[in-house]
Amino acid sequence: MLRLRGREFGPGAPAIMAIVNRTPDSFYDQGATFAFDVALERVRLVVGQGAEIVDIGGVKAAPGGDVSVEEEIGRTVDFVATVRSEFPDVIISVDTWRHEVARAVCEAGADLLNDSWGGADPKLAEVAAEFAVGLVCTHVGRATPRTRPHRVAYDDVTADAIRHTVGLAERALALGVPREAIVIDPAHDFGKNTRHSLQLTRELDRMVATEWPVLVSLSNKDFVGETLGGLPVGERLIGTLAATAVCAWHGAVVYRVHEVLETRQVLDMVTSIRGDRPPTRAIRGLA
C-alpha cells in the first residue's frame, strides 16, 4: 500500500500522476507549459480531471542544454509553493536527481521526490528521509543523467530492475524514508531499448511481487512509437493506453501520464475487470 499526504493507493485504487513540465524543451509539448502561468493552468486542468499527483519537472530527461542547479531551483521552487497554496490536498511530486533541488522543493511543500536517474545523487534519499517525504526509486541501468542508451544489454532486464530498485528502496528505508511512501519504477526507455521496455511491461508482475508499490511512466515513450512502426510522439496515445492496461492488470499503483482522462478510463475499466472496482452503473438486463 502506498500512502502519501494521508491518501492510500494500491492496485485496486491506482493513482494518476500528471506531468507538468516547467521546461522549454520537453519532448512531448516542446515547452508549451514552460511559462509559470501556463504551467499553473495545466495543474488546474489535471487536478480538475482527477489526477491525485502532479509531477513537476524543471529539466528534461533527454540530452540538451545545461541546466544549473540554480536554474532548476528557479523553475520549480516558487511553482511548488504556489501549487501547494492553491491546492492544499494535492500530492506534489518533483522530478529531479539533485539533492539541492530536492531540499528546496521539500521546504516549499513537495510530498514526493521522483528520483528519475536512480540514485545518481545518493544524498537525494537522505533529503527524503530528513523531510519524511516519499521517494521514487528508479532503474536506469548504467545510464547517467540526461543520456540516451547506446547498445545497452542485460541478461534479464526485469531481474536487473528488481535488484536495483529494491536495493534503492531498502537503502531509503534504512535512512528513514517512510516505507509506505517508497515507490519503485522500472523506468521504461531509460537505459533501455524497446525490447527491454516491452519485456518489463509483460513481466511487471515480477516487480509487483516484491510488494513495493510500482510506478510506471509509459506516456508517449519511444518504445511505444517504435513498436508501432515509428509513430511520432503525437500519435502514441493508443499504444500508451494498451501498455497502461497491461501494467494495470499486473498491479502497478502509480501512472505518470500526459493524458489524464483517457488513462483514468483505462484504469477504471481494468480495475473493474479485476474485480477491485464495481461498475459505476449496472442496470443492463434489470429493466
C-alpha atoms as a PDB file:
ATOM      1  CA  MET A   1       0.000   0.000   0.000  1.00  0.00           C
ATOM      2  CA  LEU A   2       1.254   3.473  -0.915  1.00  0.00           C
ATOM      3  CA  ARG A   3       0.396   6.331   1.453  1.00  0.00           C
ATOM      4  CA  LEU A   4       1.029   9.964   0.528  1.00  0.00           C
ATOM      5  CA  ARG A   5      -0.455  13.066   2.152  1.00  0.00           C
ATOM      6  CA  GLY A   6      -2.951  10.938   4.072  1.00  0.00           C
ATOM      7  CA  ARG A   7      -4.245   9.125   0.990  1.00  0.00           C
ATOM      8  CA  GLU A   8      -3.815   5.432   0.272  1.00  0.00           C
ATOM      9  CA  PHE A   9      -3.330   3.789  -3.117  1.00  0.00           C
ATOM     10  CA  GLY A  10      -2.969   0.217  -4.279  1.00  0.00           C
ATOM     11  CA  PRO A  11      -3.506  -1.965  -7.356  1.00  0.00           C
ATOM     12  CA  GLY A  12      -7.260  -1.714  -6.866  1.00  0.00           C
ATOM     13  CA  ALA A  13      -7.156   2.040  -6.298  1.00  0.00           C
ATOM     14  CA  PRO A  14      -4.346   3.366  -8.511  1.00  0.00           C
ATOM     15  CA  ALA A  15      -3.118   6.952  -8.645  1.00  0.00           C
ATOM     16  CA  ILE A  16      -2.618   9.143 -11.692  1.00  0.00           C
ATOM     17  CA  MET A  17       0.484  11.321 -11.649  1.00  0.00           C
ATOM     18  CA  ALA A  18       0.045  14.114 -14.185  1.00  0.00           C
ATOM     19  CA  ILE A  19       3.167  15.511 -15.825  1.00  0.00           C
ATOM     20  CA  VAL A  20       3.738  19.268 -15.604  1.00  0.00           C
ATOM     21  CA  ASN A  21       6.890  20.318 -17.441  1.00  0.00           C
ATOM     22  CA  ARG A  22       8.464  23.630 -16.476  1.00  0.00           C
ATOM     23  CA  THR A  23      10.982  23.199 -19.266  1.00  0.00           C
ATOM     24  CA  PRO A  24      11.332  24.979 -22.611  1.00  0.00           C
ATOM     25  CA  ASP A  25      12.279  21.813 -24.491  1.00  0.00           C
ATOM     26  CA  SER A  26      10.118  18.892 -23.357  1.00  0.00           C
ATOM     27  CA  PHE A  27       9.957  16.040 -25.866  1.00  0.00           C
ATOM     28  CA  TYR A  28       6.166  15.958 -25.544  1.00  0.00           C
ATOM     29  CA  ASP A  29       5.000  19.560 -25.583  1.00  0.00           C
ATOM     30  CA  GLN A  30       8.115  21.428 -26.716  1.00  0.00           C
ATOM     31  CA  GLY A  31       7.856  23.914 -23.882  1.00  0.00           C
ATOM     32  CA  ALA A  32       4.114  24.551 -24.016  1.00  0.00           C
ATOM     33  CA  THR A  33       3.905  24.724 -20.201  1.00  0.00           C
ATOM     34  CA  PHE A  34       7.255  26.374 -19.521  1.00  0.00           C
ATOM     35  CA  ALA A  35       5.696  29.729 -18.611  1.00  0.00           C
ATOM     36  CA  PHE A  36       4.669  29.931 -14.947  1.00  0.00           C
ATOM     37  CA  ASP A  37       1.041  30.925 -15.567  1.00  0.00           C
ATOM     38  CA  VAL A  38       0.553  28.333 -18.314  1.00  0.00           C
ATOM     39  CA  ALA A  39       2.012  25.602 -16.113  1.00  0.00           C
ATOM     40  CA  LEU A  40      -0.355  26.624 -13.325  1.00  0.00           C
ATOM     41  CA  GLU A  41      -3.286  26.344 -15.730  1.00  0.00           C
ATOM     42  CA  ARG A  42      -2.060  22.855 -16.588  1.00  0.00           C
ATOM     43  CA  VAL A  43      -2.134  21.964 -12.884  1.00  0.00           C
ATOM     44  CA  ARG A  44      -5.677  23.305 -12.575  1.00  0.00           C
ATOM     45  CA  LEU A  45      -6.726  21.257 -15.609  1.00  0.00           C
ATOM     46  CA  VAL A  46      -5.261  17.928 -14.493  1.00  0.00           C
ATOM     47  CA  VAL A  47      -6.441  18.285 -10.898  1.00  0.00           C
ATOM     48  CA  GLY A  48      -9.911  19.031 -12.238  1.00  0.00           C
ATOM     49  CA  GLN A  49      -9.655  15.889 -14.368  1.00  0.00           C
ATOM     50  CA  GLY A  50      -8.927  13.804 -11.283  1.00  0.00           C
ATOM     51  CA  ALA A  51      -5.141  13.498 -11.069  1.00  0.00           C
ATOM     52  CA  GLU A  52      -4.153  12.735  -7.493  1.00  0.00           C
ATOM     53  CA  ILE A  53      -0.488  13.643  -8.022  1.00  0.00           C
ATOM     54  CA  VAL A  54       1.182  16.353 -10.080  1.00  0.00           C
ATOM     55  CA  ASP A  55       4.794  15.719 -11.100  1.00  0.00           C
ATOM     56  CA  ILE A  56       6.698  18.952 -11.679  1.00  0.00           C
ATOM     57  CA  GLY A  57       9.932  18.855 -13.640  1.00  0.00           C
ATOM     58  CA  GLY A  58      12.478  21.575 -14.293  1.00  0.00           C
ATOM     59  CA  VAL A  59      14.914  19.691 -16.538  1.00  0.00           C
ATOM     60  CA  LYS A  60      14.034  17.473 -19.488  1.00  0.00           C
ATOM     61  CA  ALA A  61      15.331  13.918 -19.321  1.00  0.00           C
ATOM     62  CA  ALA A  62      16.915  13.854 -22.769  1.00  0.00           C
ATOM     63  CA  PRO A  63      20.249  15.447 -23.683  1.00  0.00           C
ATOM     64  CA  GLY A  64      20.115  19.183 -24.221  1.00  0.00           C
ATOM     65  CA  GLY A  65      21.355  22.490 -22.931  1.00  0.00           C
ATOM     66  CA  ASP A  66      22.931  22.563 -19.498  1.00  0.00           C
ATOM     67  CA  VAL A  67      20.592  23.495 -16.652  1.00  0.00           C
ATOM     68  CA  SER A  68      22.356  24.510 -13.466  1.00  0.00           C
ATOM     69  CA  VAL A  69      21.134  23.632 -10.002  1.00  0.00           C
ATOM     70  CA  GLU A  70      20.201  27.273  -9.510  1.00  0.00           C
ATOM     71  CA  GLU A  71      18.179  27.353 -12.716  1.00  0.00           C
ATOM     72  CA  GLU A  72      16.354  24.139 -11.842  1.00  0.00           C
ATOM     73  CA  ILE A  73      15.515  25.548  -8.417  1.00  0.00           C
ATOM     74  CA  GLY A  74      14.263  28.720 -10.073  1.00  0.00           C
ATOM     75  CA  ARG A  75      11.961  26.724 -12.325  1.00  0.00           C
ATOM     76  CA  THR A  76      10.489  24.553  -9.573  1.00  0.00           C
ATOM     77  CA  VAL A  77      10.536  26.010  -6.051  1.00  0.00           C
ATOM     78  CA  ASP A  78       8.234  29.024  -6.392  1.00  0.00           C
ATOM     79  CA  PHE A  79       5.963  26.951  -8.589  1.00  0.00           C
ATOM     80  CA  VAL A  80       5.716  24.188  -5.980  1.00  0.00           C
ATOM     81  CA  ALA A  81       4.896  26.787  -3.329  1.00  0.00           C
ATOM     82  CA  THR A  82       2.156  28.276  -5.495  1.00  0.00           C
ATOM     83  CA  VAL A  83       0.620  24.873  -6.258  1.00  0.00           C
ATOM     84  CA  ARG A  84       0.730  23.968  -2.561  1.00  0.00           C
ATOM     85  CA  SER A  85      -1.042  27.203  -1.662  1.00  0.00           C
ATOM     86  CA  GLU A  86      -3.782  26.779  -4.262  1.00  0.00           C
ATOM     87  CA  PHE A  87      -4.200  23.011  -3.880  1.00  0.00           C
ATOM     88  CA  PRO A  88      -3.521  22.092  -0.250  1.00  0.00           C
ATOM     89  CA  ASP A  89      -4.668  18.499  -0.716  1.00  0.00           C
ATOM     90  CA  VAL A  90      -2.981  17.581  -3.993  1.00  0.00           C
ATOM     91  CA  ILE A  91       0.127  15.390  -3.800  1.00  0.00           C
ATOM     92  CA  ILE A  92       3.094  17.281  -5.244  1.00  0.00           C
ATOM     93  CA  SER A  93       5.946  15.329  -6.779  1.00  0.00           C
ATOM     94  CA  VAL A  94       9.117  16.859  -8.177  1.00  0.00           C
ATOM     95  CA  ASP A  95      11.134  15.107 -10.874  1.00  0.00           C
ATOM     96  CA  THR A  96      14.798  15.702 -10.018  1.00  0.00           C
ATOM     97  CA  TRP A  97      18.004  13.794  -9.366  1.00  0.00           C
ATOM     98  CA  ARG A  98      19.777  16.576  -7.435  1.00  0.00           C
ATOM     99  CA  HIS A  99      19.727  16.757  -3.639  1.00  0.00           C
ATOM    100  CA  GLU A 100      19.999  20.553  -3.620  1.00  0.00           C
ATOM    101  CA  VAL A 101      16.817  20.831  -5.664  1.00  0.00           C
ATOM    102  CA  ALA A 102      15.163  18.152  -3.541  1.00  0.00           C
ATOM    103  CA  ARG A 103      15.834  20.086  -0.358  1.00  0.00           C
ATOM    104  CA  ALA A 104      14.494  23.339  -1.793  1.00  0.00           C
ATOM    105  CA  VAL A 105      11.255  21.820  -3.112  1.00  0.00           C
ATOM    106  CA  CYS A 106      10.628  19.922   0.123  1.00  0.00           C
ATOM    107  CA  GLU A 107      10.916  23.203   2.004  1.00  0.00           C
ATOM    108  CA  ALA A 108       8.365  24.627  -0.468  1.00  0.00           C
ATOM    109  CA  GLY A 109       5.843  21.838   0.152  1.00  0.00           C
ATOM    110  CA  ALA A 110       6.658  18.818  -2.038  1.00  0.00           C
ATOM    111  CA  ASP A 111       5.398  15.418  -0.867  1.00  0.00           C
ATOM    112  CA  LEU A 112       7.320  13.087  -3.192  1.00  0.00           C
ATOM    113  CA  LEU A 113      10.766  13.121  -4.814  1.00  0.00           C
ATOM    114  CA  ASN A 114      10.784  11.421  -8.195  1.00  0.00           C
ATOM    115  CA  ASP A 115      14.448  10.432  -8.425  1.00  0.00           C
ATOM    116  CA  SER A 116      14.352   9.945 -12.169  1.00  0.00           C
ATOM    117  CA  TRP A 117      18.001   8.880 -12.535  1.00  0.00           C
ATOM    118  CA  GLY A 118      18.040   6.115  -9.973  1.00  0.00           C
ATOM    119  CA  GLY A 119      20.328   7.251  -7.183  1.00  0.00           C
ATOM    120  CA  ALA A 120      22.806   9.229  -9.288  1.00  0.00           C
ATOM    121  CA  ASP A 121      22.973  11.576  -6.294  1.00  0.00           C
ATOM    122  CA  PRO A 122      22.874   9.391  -3.148  1.00  0.00           C
ATOM    123  CA  LYS A 123      22.163  12.440  -0.994  1.00  0.00           C
ATOM    124  CA  LEU A 124      18.706  12.802  -2.502  1.00  0.00           C
ATOM    125  CA  ALA A 125      17.406   9.827  -0.481  1.00  0.00           C
ATOM    126  CA  GLU A 126      18.885  11.438   2.615  1.00  0.00           C
ATOM    127  CA  VAL A 127      16.814  14.552   1.930  1.00  0.00           C
ATOM    128  CA  ALA A 128      13.685  12.411   1.533  1.00  0.00           C
ATOM    129  CA  ALA A 129      14.383  10.856   4.917  1.00  0.00           C
ATOM    130  CA  GLU A 130      15.057  14.221   6.566  1.00  0.00           C
ATOM    131  CA  PHE A 131      11.727  15.633   5.397  1.00  0.00           C
ATOM    132  CA  ALA A 132       9.823  12.311   5.720  1.00  0.00           C
ATOM    133  CA  VAL A 133       8.570  12.606   2.138  1.00  0.00           C
ATOM    134  CA  GLY A 134       8.071   9.899  -0.450  1.00  0.00           C
ATOM    135  CA  LEU A 135      10.731   8.643  -2.861  1.00  0.00           C
ATOM    136  CA  VAL A 136      10.569   7.041  -6.302  1.00  0.00           C
ATOM    137  CA  CYS A 137      13.403   4.528  -6.742  1.00  0.00           C
ATOM    138  CA  THR A 138      14.174   4.206 -10.430  1.00  0.00           C
ATOM    139  CA  HIS A 139      16.050   1.712 -12.606  1.00  0.00           C
ATOM    140  CA  VAL A 140      18.254   3.246 -15.303  1.00  0.00           C
ATOM    141  CA  GLY A 141      20.892   0.550 -15.644  1.00  0.00           C
ATOM    142  CA  ARG A 142      24.286   2.153 -16.060  1.00  0.00           C
ATOM    143  CA  ALA A 143      22.904   5.338 -17.622  1.00  0.00           C
ATOM    144  CA  THR A 144      23.935   8.711 -16.255  1.00  0.00           C
ATOM    145  CA  PRO A 145      21.583  11.709 -16.093  1.00  0.00           C
ATOM    146  CA  ARG A 146      20.369  13.083 -19.410  1.00  0.00           C
ATOM    147  CA  THR A 147      21.965  10.436 -21.627  1.00  0.00           C
ATOM    148  CA  ARG A 148      20.395   8.105 -24.153  1.00  0.00           C
ATOM    149  CA  PRO A 149      21.016   4.341 -24.135  1.00  0.00           C
ATOM    150  CA  HIS A 150      23.575   3.001 -26.606  1.00  0.00           C
ATOM    151  CA  ARG A 151      23.879  -0.738 -27.274  1.00  0.00           C
ATOM    152  CA  VAL A 152      22.799  -1.468 -23.711  1.00  0.00           C
ATOM    153  CA  ALA A 153      22.448  -5.145 -22.758  1.00  0.00           C
ATOM    154  CA  TYR A 154      21.055  -7.124 -19.829  1.00  0.00           C
ATOM    155  CA  ASP A 155      20.975 -10.843 -19.121  1.00  0.00           C
ATOM    156  CA  ASP A 156      17.482 -10.257 -17.705  1.00  0.00           C
ATOM    157  CA  VAL A 157      16.326  -6.646 -17.625  1.00  0.00           C
ATOM    158  CA  THR A 158      13.463  -7.378 -15.237  1.00  0.00           C
ATOM    159  CA  ALA A 159      15.762  -9.050 -12.738  1.00  0.00           C
ATOM    160  CA  ASP A 160      18.181  -6.139 -13.013  1.00  0.00           C
ATOM    161  CA  ALA A 161      15.365  -3.642 -12.464  1.00  0.00           C
ATOM    162  CA  ILE A 162      14.173  -5.544  -9.392  1.00  0.00           C
ATOM    163  CA  ARG A 163      17.662  -5.821  -7.929  1.00  0.00           C
ATOM    164  CA  HIS A 164      18.450  -2.149  -8.390  1.00  0.00           C
ATOM    165  CA  THR A 165      15.128  -0.600  -7.364  1.00  0.00           C
ATOM    166  CA  VAL A 166      14.662  -2.838  -4.341  1.00  0.00           C
ATOM    167  CA  GLY A 167      18.228  -2.030  -3.305  1.00  0.00           C
ATOM    168  CA  LEU A 168      17.467   1.686  -3.515  1.00  0.00           C
ATOM    169  CA  ALA A 169      14.193   1.179  -1.648  1.00  0.00           C
ATOM    170  CA  GLU A 170      15.878  -0.752   1.157  1.00  0.00           C
ATOM    171  CA  ARG A 171      18.567   1.917   1.477  1.00  0.00           C
ATOM    172  CA  ALA A 172      15.899   4.632   1.632  1.00  0.00           C
ATOM    173  CA  LEU A 173      14.051   2.695   4.315  1.00  0.00           C
ATOM    174  CA  ALA A 174      17.239   2.317   6.341  1.00  0.00           C
ATOM    175  CA  LEU A 175      17.829   6.073   6.069  1.00  0.00           C
ATOM    176  CA  GLY A 176      14.372   6.745   7.487  1.00  0.00           C
ATOM    177  CA  VAL A 177      12.123   7.298   4.472  1.00  0.00           C
ATOM    178  CA  PRO A 178       8.640   6.012   5.455  1.00  0.00           C
ATOM    179  CA  ARG A 179       8.143   2.539   3.987  1.00  0.00           C
ATOM    180  CA  GLU A 180       4.626   3.299   2.826  1.00  0.00           C
ATOM    181  CA  ALA A 181       5.939   6.279   0.821  1.00  0.00           C
ATOM    182  CA  ILE A 182       8.585   4.413  -1.194  1.00  0.00           C
ATOM    183  CA  VAL A 183       7.815   3.505  -4.815  1.00  0.00           C
ATOM    184  CA  ILE A 184       9.841   1.541  -7.374  1.00  0.00           C
ATOM    185  CA  ASP A 185       9.909   2.370 -11.098  1.00  0.00           C
ATOM    186  CA  PRO A 186      11.260   0.157 -13.920  1.00  0.00           C
ATOM    187  CA  ALA A 187      11.734   3.359 -15.974  1.00  0.00           C
ATOM    188  CA  HIS A 188      10.693   2.367 -19.473  1.00  0.00           C
ATOM    189  CA  ASP A 189      13.149   3.699 -22.093  1.00  0.00           C
ATOM    190  CA  PHE A 190      15.668   4.949 -19.508  1.00  0.00           C
ATOM    191  CA  GLY A 191      18.862   2.964 -20.075  1.00  0.00           C
ATOM    192  CA  LYS A 192      16.875   0.510 -22.193  1.00  0.00           C
ATOM    193  CA  ASN A 193      15.992  -0.345 -25.762  1.00  0.00           C
ATOM    194  CA  THR A 194      12.468  -1.059 -26.978  1.00  0.00           C
ATOM    195  CA  ARG A 195      12.705  -4.819 -26.392  1.00  0.00           C
ATOM    196  CA  HIS A 196      13.749  -4.198 -22.798  1.00  0.00           C
ATOM    197  CA  SER A 197      10.763  -1.922 -22.201  1.00  0.00           C
ATOM    198  CA  LEU A 198       8.385  -4.446 -23.725  1.00  0.00           C
ATOM    199  CA  GLN A 199       9.789  -7.198 -21.502  1.00  0.00           C
ATOM    200  CA  LEU A 200       9.380  -5.046 -18.420  1.00  0.00           C
ATOM    201  CA  THR A 201       5.764  -4.391 -19.374  1.00  0.00           C
ATOM    202  CA  ARG A 202       4.779  -8.011 -19.839  1.00  0.00           C
ATOM    203  CA  GLU A 203       6.727  -9.081 -16.744  1.00  0.00           C
ATOM    204  CA  LEU A 204       5.676  -6.236 -14.475  1.00  0.00           C
ATOM    205  CA  ASP A 205       4.040  -8.740 -12.148  1.00  0.00           C
ATOM    206  CA  ARG A 206       7.566  -9.759 -11.119  1.00  0.00           C
ATOM    207  CA  MET A 207       8.190  -6.230  -9.830  1.00  0.00           C
ATOM    208  CA  VAL A 208       4.768  -6.078  -8.178  1.00  0.00           C
ATOM    209  CA  ALA A 209       5.608  -9.335  -6.387  1.00  0.00           C
ATOM    210  CA  THR A 210       8.360  -7.521  -4.451  1.00  0.00           C
ATOM    211  CA  GLU A 211       5.493  -5.878  -2.511  1.00  0.00           C
ATOM    212  CA  TRP A 212       6.905  -2.389  -3.112  1.00  0.00           C
ATOM    213  CA  PRO A 213       4.363  -0.153  -4.886  1.00  0.00           C
ATOM    214  CA  VAL A 214       5.233   0.148  -8.570  1.00  0.00           C
ATOM    215  CA  LEU A 215       5.119   3.322 -10.665  1.00  0.00           C
ATOM    216  CA  VAL A 216       5.126   3.212 -14.455  1.00  0.00           C
ATOM    217  CA  SER A 217       5.924   6.085 -16.778  1.00  0.00           C
ATOM    218  CA  LEU A 218       4.754   4.891 -20.193  1.00  0.00           C
ATOM    219  CA  SER A 219       3.256   8.023 -21.639  1.00  0.00           C
ATOM    220  CA  ASN A 220       4.150   8.551 -25.299  1.00  0.00           C
ATOM    221  CA  LYS A 221       7.538   6.878 -24.837  1.00  0.00           C
ATOM    222  CA  ASP A 222       9.807   5.874 -27.706  1.00  0.00           C
ATOM    223  CA  PHE A 223       9.231   2.160 -27.090  1.00  0.00           C
ATOM    224  CA  VAL A 224       5.573   2.718 -27.960  1.00  0.00           C
ATOM    225  CA  GLY A 225       6.387   4.615 -31.119  1.00  0.00           C
ATOM    226  CA  GLU A 226       8.978   2.085 -32.284  1.00  0.00           C
ATOM    227  CA  THR A 227       6.731  -0.891 -31.556  1.00  0.00           C
ATOM    228  CA  LEU A 228       4.004   0.601 -33.733  1.00  0.00           C
ATOM    229  CA  GLY A 229       6.152   1.354 -36.755  1.00  0.00           C
ATOM    230  CA  GLY A 230       7.905   4.561 -35.809  1.00  0.00           C
ATOM    231  CA  LEU A 231       4.950   6.680 -34.751  1.00  0.00           C
ATOM    232  CA  PRO A 232       5.755  10.278 -33.799  1.00  0.00           C
ATOM    233  CA  VAL A 233       5.078  11.490 -30.258  1.00  0.00           C
ATOM    234  CA  GLY A 234       1.660  12.918 -31.113  1.00  0.00           C
ATOM    235  CA  GLU A 235       0.355   9.556 -32.363  1.00  0.00           C
ATOM    236  CA  ARG A 236       1.307   7.278 -29.470  1.00  0.00           C
ATOM    237  CA  LEU A 237      -1.751   7.595 -27.228  1.00  0.00           C
ATOM    238  CA  ILE A 238      -3.449   4.319 -28.213  1.00  0.00           C
ATOM    239  CA  GLY A 239      -0.244   2.347 -27.773  1.00  0.00           C
ATOM    240  CA  THR A 240       0.367   4.057 -24.444  1.00  0.00           C
ATOM    241  CA  LEU A 241      -3.099   3.105 -23.220  1.00  0.00           C
ATOM    242  CA  ALA A 242      -2.593  -0.515 -24.311  1.00  0.00           C
ATOM    243  CA  ALA A 243       0.604  -0.685 -22.259  1.00  0.00           C
ATOM    244  CA  THR A 244      -1.206   1.023 -19.391  1.00  0.00           C
ATOM    245  CA  ALA A 245      -3.891  -1.681 -19.395  1.00  0.00           C
ATOM    246  CA  VAL A 246      -1.272  -4.436 -19.196  1.00  0.00           C
ATOM    247  CA  CYS A 247       0.507  -2.723 -16.291  1.00  0.00           C
ATOM    248  CA  ALA A 248      -2.805  -2.174 -14.522  1.00  0.00           C
ATOM    249  CA  TRP A 249      -3.680  -5.845 -14.865  1.00  0.00           C
ATOM    250  CA  HIS A 250      -0.313  -6.730 -13.336  1.00  0.00           C
ATOM    251  CA  GLY A 251      -0.917  -4.381 -10.394  1.00  0.00           C
ATOM    252  CA  ALA A 252       1.038  -1.160 -10.895  1.00  0.00           C
ATOM    253  CA  VAL A 253      -0.083   1.550  -8.486  1.00  0.00           C
ATOM    254  CA  VAL A 254       1.029   4.916  -9.954  1.00  0.00           C
ATOM    255  CA  TYR A 255       0.777   6.028 -13.601  1.00  0.00           C
ATOM    256  CA  ARG A 256       2.828   9.036 -14.706  1.00  0.00           C
ATOM    257  CA  VAL A 257       0.951  10.427 -17.706  1.00  0.00           C
ATOM    258  CA  HIS A 258       0.247  13.313 -20.038  1.00  0.00           C
ATOM    259  CA  GLU A 259      -3.381  12.360 -20.795  1.00  0.00           C
ATOM    260  CA  VAL A 260      -5.348  12.104 -17.552  1.00  0.00           C
ATOM    261  CA  LEU A 261      -8.929  11.438 -18.686  1.00  0.00           C
ATOM    262  CA  GLU A 262      -8.005   8.656 -21.105  1.00  0.00           C
ATOM    263  CA  THR A 263      -5.757   6.988 -18.554  1.00  0.00           C
ATOM    264  CA  ARG A 264      -8.459   7.135 -15.886  1.00  0.00           C
ATOM    265  CA  GLN A 265     -10.940   5.332 -18.150  1.00  0.00           C
ATOM    266  CA  VAL A 266      -8.406   2.574 -18.826  1.00  0.00           C
ATOM    267  CA  LEU A 267      -7.607   2.174 -15.136  1.00  0.00           C
ATOM    268  CA  ASP A 268     -11.291   2.151 -14.144  1.00  0.00           C
ATOM    269  CA  MET A 269     -12.033  -0.488 -16.763  1.00  0.00           C
ATOM    270  CA  VAL A 270      -9.132  -2.740 -15.803  1.00  0.00           C
ATOM    271  CA  THR A 271      -9.735  -2.476 -12.051  1.00  0.00           C
ATOM    272  CA  SER A 272     -13.405  -3.317 -12.658  1.00  0.00           C
ATOM    273  CA  ILE A 273     -12.461  -6.359 -14.760  1.00  0.00           C
ATOM    274  CA  ARG A 274     -10.071  -7.413 -11.987  1.00  0.00           C
ATOM    275  CA  GLY A 275     -12.971  -7.185  -9.539  1.00  0.00           C
ATOM    276  CA  ASP A 276     -11.450  -4.359  -7.486  1.00  0.00           C
ATOM    277  CA  ARG A 277     -13.947  -1.695  -8.553  1.00  0.00           C
ATOM    278  CA  PRO A 278     -17.703  -2.009  -9.134  1.00  0.00           C
ATOM    279  CA  PRO A 279     -19.111  -0.561 -12.350  1.00  0.00           C
ATOM    280  CA  THR A 280     -20.412   2.966 -11.956  1.00  0.00           C
ATOM    281  CA  ARG A 281     -23.749   1.916 -13.419  1.00  0.00           C
ATOM    282  CA  ALA A 282     -25.087  -1.626 -13.848  1.00  0.00           C
ATOM    283  CA  ILE A 283     -28.712  -1.632 -14.971  1.00  0.00           C
ATOM    284  CA  ARG A 284     -28.375  -3.667 -18.151  1.00  0.00           C
ATOM    285  CA  GLY A 285     -30.709  -6.658 -18.005  1.00  0.00           C
ATOM    286  CA  LEU A 286     -32.564  -5.334 -14.972  1.00  0.00           C
ATOM    287  CA  ALA A 287     -35.224  -3.200 -16.656  1.00  0.00           C
END
